[in-house]
C-alpha cells in the first residue's frame, strides 16, 4: 500500500489527530514518533507534545530560533501551558533504564533510543531553565501552571533576568 501525501494518514482531519492524542495524553514517546510521520502530523502533534513540559524538555525549549534549523513552524515554547521544573530530576515514571535519561523503546527490536537527557549540574539546569523561560515569554505562550521542585535553587535563580510578570498569572503555582 502506497501512503503518499494524497492518501492515508496524511489526509485525516486534524480533529482525528486530536482524538488520537486524547486517548493517550501522557504518551510523549508516541507523540514524538508521530511528529516524524509527515509535515501534517508534525503540525498536529507538536503543539500537543509541548503543552506540558518538564525538565527533560529544557534543552529543546531553550534553543534559539537559528539553532532549530532546518525545522520550520512555530517554536515549541509557543505551545507551553504547564511547566514542571525539577532539579535534581527524580521522576522515575518518565525514566527507563538509566538515571537522568529518557529512552524510547522499540518493542519489535527491543532497542532503546535516547530521546532526552536531564541536566546533571545545577549550573546547566539554571542556564537551560532561564533560556526556556525567556523563550516561553518571547513566543507568547499562555502558561496556566508552574511547578518548581528544585532543592537549593530559588525560583528567582531560574528566572534570573526574566520578568515573571510577563507570564499570565498562573492558575496554579507550586513551589
C-alpha atoms as a PDB file:
ATOM      1  CA  UNK A   1       0.000   0.000   0.000  1.00  0.00           C
ATOM      2  CA  UNK A   2       1.407   3.360  -1.003  1.00  0.00           C
ATOM      3  CA  UNK A   3       0.770   6.101   1.573  1.00  0.00           C
ATOM      4  CA  UNK A   4       1.761   9.182  -0.362  1.00  0.00           C
ATOM      5  CA  UNK A   5       0.797  12.710   0.608  1.00  0.00           C
ATOM      6  CA  UNK A   6      -2.622  12.368  -1.023  1.00  0.00           C
ATOM      7  CA  UNK A   7      -3.823   9.315   0.875  1.00  0.00           C
ATOM      8  CA  UNK A   8      -3.986   7.586   4.231  1.00  0.00           C
ATOM      9  CA  UNK A   9      -2.836   9.096   7.487  1.00  0.00           C
ATOM     10  CA  UNK A  10      -1.937  12.462   5.947  1.00  0.00           C
ATOM     11  CA  UNK A  11      -5.483  13.124   4.767  1.00  0.00           C
ATOM     12  CA  UNK A  12      -7.143  12.666   8.164  1.00  0.00           C
ATOM     13  CA  UNK A  13      -8.866  15.779   9.512  1.00  0.00           C
ATOM     14  CA  UNK A  14      -6.984  17.495  12.357  1.00  0.00           C
ATOM     15  CA  UNK A  15      -9.844  16.609  14.698  1.00  0.00           C
ATOM     16  CA  UNK A  16      -8.973  12.920  14.291  1.00  0.00           C
ATOM     17  CA  UNK A  17      -5.331  13.596  15.131  1.00  0.00           C
ATOM     18  CA  UNK A  18      -6.535  15.346  18.279  1.00  0.00           C
ATOM     19  CA  UNK A  19      -8.786  12.397  19.173  1.00  0.00           C
ATOM     20  CA  UNK A  20      -5.776  10.110  18.803  1.00  0.00           C
ATOM     21  CA  UNK A  21      -3.861  12.383  21.183  1.00  0.00           C
ATOM     22  CA  UNK A  22      -6.678  12.408  23.745  1.00  0.00           C
ATOM     23  CA  UNK A  23      -6.588   8.600  24.028  1.00  0.00           C
ATOM     24  CA  UNK A  24      -3.051   8.677  25.472  1.00  0.00           C
ATOM     25  CA  UNK A  25      -2.328  12.238  26.635  1.00  0.00           C
ATOM     26  CA  UNK A  26       0.833  11.300  28.579  1.00  0.00           C
ATOM     27  CA  UNK A  27       2.462   9.135  25.897  1.00  0.00           C
ATOM     28  CA  UNK A  28       5.192  11.549  24.828  1.00  0.00           C
ATOM     29  CA  UNK A  29       7.265   8.927  23.001  1.00  0.00           C
ATOM     30  CA  UNK A  30       4.294   8.191  20.705  1.00  0.00           C
ATOM     31  CA  UNK A  31       3.700  11.917  20.053  1.00  0.00           C
ATOM     32  CA  UNK A  32       7.397  12.342  19.345  1.00  0.00           C
ATOM     33  CA  UNK A  33       7.281   9.470  16.837  1.00  0.00           C
ATOM     34  CA  UNK A  34       4.090  10.812  15.229  1.00  0.00           C
ATOM     35  CA  UNK A  35       5.698  14.201  14.621  1.00  0.00           C
ATOM     36  CA  UNK A  36       8.162  12.391  12.349  1.00  0.00           C
ATOM     37  CA  UNK A  37       5.493  10.725  10.166  1.00  0.00           C
ATOM     38  CA  UNK A  38       4.795  13.743   7.971  1.00  0.00           C
ATOM     39  CA  UNK A  39       4.742  17.514   7.969  1.00  0.00           C
ATOM     40  CA  UNK A  40       0.996  17.447   8.611  1.00  0.00           C
ATOM     41  CA  UNK A  41       1.388  15.094  11.587  1.00  0.00           C
ATOM     42  CA  UNK A  42       4.206  17.327  12.879  1.00  0.00           C
ATOM     43  CA  UNK A  43       1.912  20.346  12.714  1.00  0.00           C
ATOM     44  CA  UNK A  44      -0.862  18.435  14.502  1.00  0.00           C
ATOM     45  CA  UNK A  45       1.105  16.700  17.267  1.00  0.00           C
ATOM     46  CA  UNK A  46       3.978  19.094  18.012  1.00  0.00           C
ATOM     47  CA  UNK A  47       1.754  21.574  19.896  1.00  0.00           C
ATOM     48  CA  UNK A  48       0.360  18.707  21.983  1.00  0.00           C
ATOM     49  CA  UNK A  49       3.858  17.393  22.673  1.00  0.00           C
ATOM     50  CA  UNK A  50       4.926  20.698  24.243  1.00  0.00           C
ATOM     51  CA  UNK A  51       1.759  21.721  26.134  1.00  0.00           C
ATOM     52  CA  UNK A  52       3.021  20.158  29.372  1.00  0.00           C
ATOM     53  CA  UNK A  53       6.760  20.390  29.742  1.00  0.00           C
ATOM     54  CA  UNK A  54       9.197  19.229  32.358  1.00  0.00           C
ATOM     55  CA  UNK A  55      12.937  19.217  32.969  1.00  0.00           C
ATOM     56  CA  UNK A  56      13.566  16.753  30.127  1.00  0.00           C
ATOM     57  CA  UNK A  57      12.332  19.247  27.511  1.00  0.00           C
ATOM     58  CA  UNK A  58      14.507  22.166  28.635  1.00  0.00           C
ATOM     59  CA  UNK A  59      17.264  21.554  26.079  1.00  0.00           C
ATOM     60  CA  UNK A  60      14.745  21.787  23.218  1.00  0.00           C
ATOM     61  CA  UNK A  61      12.820  24.766  24.559  1.00  0.00           C
ATOM     62  CA  UNK A  62      15.999  26.699  25.355  1.00  0.00           C
ATOM     63  CA  UNK A  63      17.113  26.662  21.690  1.00  0.00           C
ATOM     64  CA  UNK A  64      17.224  29.924  19.802  1.00  0.00           C
ATOM     65  CA  UNK A  65      15.289  30.022  16.519  1.00  0.00           C
ATOM     66  CA  UNK A  66      18.504  29.797  14.446  1.00  0.00           C
ATOM     67  CA  UNK A  67      19.544  26.604  16.249  1.00  0.00           C
ATOM     68  CA  UNK A  68      16.303  24.856  15.222  1.00  0.00           C
ATOM     69  CA  UNK A  69      17.182  24.887  11.512  1.00  0.00           C
ATOM     70  CA  UNK A  70      16.013  23.050   9.373  1.00  0.00           C
ATOM     71  CA  UNK A  71      12.815  22.893  11.460  1.00  0.00           C
ATOM     72  CA  UNK A  72      10.192  25.400  10.465  1.00  0.00           C
ATOM     73  CA  UNK A  73       6.971  26.483  12.043  1.00  0.00           C
ATOM     74  CA  UNK A  74       6.333  27.890  15.485  1.00  0.00           C
ATOM     75  CA  UNK A  75       8.934  27.463  18.214  1.00  0.00           C
ATOM     76  CA  UNK A  76       7.838  24.757  20.713  1.00  0.00           C
ATOM     77  CA  UNK A  77       7.929  27.364  23.506  1.00  0.00           C
ATOM     78  CA  UNK A  78       4.815  28.936  21.954  1.00  0.00           C
ATOM     79  CA  UNK A  79       2.715  25.893  22.939  1.00  0.00           C
ATOM     80  CA  UNK A  80       3.600  25.658  26.649  1.00  0.00           C
ATOM     81  CA  UNK A  81       0.643  25.656  29.040  1.00  0.00           C
ATOM     82  CA  UNK A  82       2.100  23.832  32.033  1.00  0.00           C
ATOM     83  CA  UNK A  83       5.689  23.803  33.303  1.00  0.00           C
ATOM     84  CA  UNK A  84       7.297  21.487  35.850  1.00  0.00           C
ATOM     85  CA  UNK A  85      10.878  22.250  36.789  1.00  0.00           C
ATOM     86  CA  UNK A  86      12.586  19.633  38.900  1.00  0.00           C
ATOM     87  CA  UNK A  87      16.219  19.531  39.959  1.00  0.00           C
ATOM     88  CA  UNK A  88      17.690  17.104  40.580  1.00  0.00           C
ATOM     89  CA  UNK A  89      15.380  15.228  38.223  1.00  0.00           C
ATOM     90  CA  UNK A  90      13.690  12.404  40.134  1.00  0.00           C
ATOM     91  CA  UNK A  91      10.668  11.392  38.077  1.00  0.00           C
ATOM     92  CA  UNK A  92      11.083   7.606  37.804  1.00  0.00           C
ATOM     93  CA  UNK A  93       7.859   7.146  35.830  1.00  0.00           C
ATOM     94  CA  UNK A  94       9.472   9.019  32.909  1.00  0.00           C
ATOM     95  CA  UNK A  95      12.845   7.278  33.110  1.00  0.00           C
ATOM     96  CA  UNK A  96      13.613   3.852  31.665  1.00  0.00           C
ATOM     97  CA  UNK A  97      16.906   2.176  32.379  1.00  0.00           C
ATOM     98  CA  UNK A  98      19.303   4.895  33.450  1.00  0.00           C
ATOM     99  CA  UNK A  99      19.202   7.881  35.786  1.00  0.00           C
ATOM    100  CA  UNK A 100      18.505  11.268  34.166  1.00  0.00           C
ATOM    101  CA  UNK A 101      17.816   9.759  30.728  1.00  0.00           C
ATOM    102  CA  UNK A 102      14.552   9.075  28.912  1.00  0.00           C
ATOM    103  CA  UNK A 103      14.518   6.278  26.378  1.00  0.00           C
ATOM    104  CA  UNK A 104      12.039   5.357  23.693  1.00  0.00           C
ATOM    105  CA  UNK A 105      11.554   1.622  23.385  1.00  0.00           C
ATOM    106  CA  UNK A 106      11.160  -0.083  20.029  1.00  0.00           C
ATOM    107  CA  UNK A 107       9.076  -3.067  21.076  1.00  0.00           C
ATOM    108  CA  UNK A 108       9.820  -5.129  17.956  1.00  0.00           C
ATOM    109  CA  UNK A 109      13.579  -4.786  18.085  1.00  0.00           C
ATOM    110  CA  UNK A 110      13.755  -4.429  21.882  1.00  0.00           C
ATOM    111  CA  UNK A 111      16.037  -1.460  21.288  1.00  0.00           C
ATOM    112  CA  UNK A 112      16.171   1.670  23.392  1.00  0.00           C
ATOM    113  CA  UNK A 113      16.917   5.066  21.869  1.00  0.00           C
ATOM    114  CA  UNK A 114      17.910   8.056  23.978  1.00  0.00           C
ATOM    115  CA  UNK A 115      15.389  10.846  23.381  1.00  0.00           C
ATOM    116  CA  UNK A 116      16.006  13.200  26.303  1.00  0.00           C
ATOM    117  CA  UNK A 117      18.608  13.944  28.909  1.00  0.00           C
ATOM    118  CA  UNK A 118      18.026  15.760  32.186  1.00  0.00           C
ATOM    119  CA  UNK A 119      20.607  18.348  33.258  1.00  0.00           C
ATOM    120  CA  UNK A 120      23.114  16.834  35.673  1.00  0.00           C
ATOM    121  CA  UNK A 121      24.544  20.049  37.165  1.00  0.00           C
ATOM    122  CA  UNK A 122      22.738  22.960  38.772  1.00  0.00           C
ATOM    123  CA  UNK A 123      24.621  25.397  36.515  1.00  0.00           C
ATOM    124  CA  UNK A 124      23.360  23.625  33.374  1.00  0.00           C
ATOM    125  CA  UNK A 125      19.849  23.376  34.804  1.00  0.00           C
ATOM    126  CA  UNK A 126      19.719  27.106  35.634  1.00  0.00           C
ATOM    127  CA  UNK A 127      21.082  28.095  32.209  1.00  0.00           C
ATOM    128  CA  UNK A 128      18.515  25.911  30.395  1.00  0.00           C
ATOM    129  CA  UNK A 129      15.638  26.946  32.693  1.00  0.00           C
ATOM    130  CA  UNK A 130      16.386  30.648  32.209  1.00  0.00           C
ATOM    131  CA  UNK A 131      16.637  30.292  28.405  1.00  0.00           C
ATOM    132  CA  UNK A 132      13.404  28.240  28.347  1.00  0.00           C
ATOM    133  CA  UNK A 133      11.566  30.863  30.387  1.00  0.00           C
ATOM    134  CA  UNK A 134      12.891  33.596  28.063  1.00  0.00           C
ATOM    135  CA  UNK A 135      11.606  31.696  25.023  1.00  0.00           C
ATOM    136  CA  UNK A 136       8.229  30.965  26.619  1.00  0.00           C
ATOM    137  CA  UNK A 137       7.833  34.686  27.338  1.00  0.00           C
ATOM    138  CA  UNK A 138       9.160  35.749  23.908  1.00  0.00           C
ATOM    139  CA  UNK A 139       6.914  33.372  21.942  1.00  0.00           C
ATOM    140  CA  UNK A 140       3.852  34.359  23.956  1.00  0.00           C
ATOM    141  CA  UNK A 141       2.830  31.052  25.500  1.00  0.00           C
ATOM    142  CA  UNK A 142      -0.065  31.264  27.950  1.00  0.00           C
ATOM    143  CA  UNK A 143       1.252  29.341  30.943  1.00  0.00           C
ATOM    144  CA  UNK A 144      -1.541  28.233  33.240  1.00  0.00           C
ATOM    145  CA  UNK A 145       0.541  26.364  35.817  1.00  0.00           C
ATOM    146  CA  UNK A 146       4.109  26.335  37.028  1.00  0.00           C
ATOM    147  CA  UNK A 147       5.530  23.778  39.421  1.00  0.00           C
ATOM    148  CA  UNK A 148       9.035  24.340  40.748  1.00  0.00           C
ATOM    149  CA  UNK A 149      10.655  21.492  42.715  1.00  0.00           C
ATOM    150  CA  UNK A 150      14.340  22.381  42.886  1.00  0.00           C
ATOM    151  CA  UNK A 151      16.316  21.589  46.004  1.00  0.00           C
ATOM    152  CA  UNK A 152      18.540  24.506  46.998  1.00  0.00           C
ATOM    153  CA  UNK A 153      17.636  26.651  43.964  1.00  0.00           C
ATOM    154  CA  UNK A 154      15.197  29.504  44.374  1.00  0.00           C
ATOM    155  CA  UNK A 155      12.641  30.458  41.761  1.00  0.00           C
ATOM    156  CA  UNK A 156      14.482  33.750  41.257  1.00  0.00           C
ATOM    157  CA  UNK A 157      17.628  31.744  40.342  1.00  0.00           C
ATOM    158  CA  UNK A 158      15.782  30.096  37.443  1.00  0.00           C
ATOM    159  CA  UNK A 159      14.082  33.290  36.285  1.00  0.00           C
ATOM    160  CA  UNK A 160      17.320  35.325  36.558  1.00  0.00           C
ATOM    161  CA  UNK A 161      16.754  38.419  34.388  1.00  0.00           C
ATOM    162  CA  UNK A 162      13.379  37.316  33.060  1.00  0.00           C
ATOM    163  CA  UNK A 163      10.312  39.241  34.102  1.00  0.00           C
ATOM    164  CA  UNK A 164       7.911  36.878  35.881  1.00  0.00           C
ATOM    165  CA  UNK A 165       5.073  39.370  35.402  1.00  0.00           C
ATOM    166  CA  UNK A 166       5.239  38.711  31.644  1.00  0.00           C
ATOM    167  CA  UNK A 167       3.503  35.395  32.300  1.00  0.00           C
ATOM    168  CA  UNK A 168      -0.243  35.351  32.504  1.00  0.00           C
ATOM    169  CA  UNK A 169      -0.967  34.840  36.156  1.00  0.00           C
ATOM    170  CA  UNK A 170      -0.666  31.073  36.545  1.00  0.00           C
ATOM    171  CA  UNK A 171      -3.779  29.411  37.871  1.00  0.00           C
ATOM    172  CA  UNK A 172      -1.546  27.053  39.794  1.00  0.00           C
ATOM    173  CA  UNK A 173       1.905  27.763  41.202  1.00  0.00           C
ATOM    174  CA  UNK A 174       3.618  25.133  43.346  1.00  0.00           C
ATOM    175  CA  UNK A 175       6.887  25.985  44.993  1.00  0.00           C
END
